[in-house]
Amino acid sequence: MVSLQLLSFVYGQPFTVANSVLSLKILFIALFFLFVNYIMGFLLNSINKGKQFTIVAGIAVIVNVVTNLIVIPKYGIVGSSFATVLTEIVNFGLLFYLIKKSGFSLPFARLLKPAFCAGLMFILLYFFQKLWLDKIFLENMIAYISISVIFGVFIYFASMIIIKGFDLRQIMQTVRRWFA
C-alpha cells in the first residue's frame, strides 16, 4: 500500500524502481506465513518438540538458499522475494504437519475474521490513497505514510469491532491493567 513511498522515504529515490516496489509487495505475502510460523514454532517448543522445530528451520534455510541460487541470476530481487515466500510456505507446511502429528491444532478459523478485516483494510486503503492521498500528499512522504497508517489502523480496528473479531470488554480490561 505504501511500498513506493516507504522505499523512497527510507532509502531515497534510486530504490523506488519498479522491481524494488514489486519485491516489497511480494514480501508482504510472506508476512502472513511468517507470523503463523512464529506461533507454530513457539507451540512446538512448548511441547518439547524443539529438535523437530530446529530440523524444520534447517530445511527452510536449505530451501531458501537453493531457490535463491536458482532464481536470483535470472529474476534478481523479485526472484529472491518469491524464494522467501516459497520458503515460508514450505516452512508452514512442515510446521503444520508436525503440530498435527503431535495431536495439537491451531484455531485457523479464528484467523478468518482478522484476515477478512485486513483484506478490507487493504482495499479501502488502496482506494483512499488513489482517490485522495496521491493527489494531496504525494510530495510529503511523512504525511502520506502517517495518514495511510492511521487510516489503515482505524479501518482494521473498526471492522474488527463491527464483526466482533475480538471482545471489546477484554481489550478494555487489558488497557486498564496497563495503566493501573
Foldseek 3Di string as FASTA:
>chain_A
DCQLLVCCVPPNDVQNPPLNSLLVVLLVLLVVLVVVLVVLQVVCVVVVNNVLLVVLVVVLVVQLVVQCVPQCVPPNSNSSSVSSSVSSVSSSVSSQVVQVVVVHHDPVVLVVQLVVQLVVLVVVLVCCCVVPVCVPPVVPSVVSVVVSVVSSVVSSVVSCVVVVSDDPVVVVVVVVVVVD
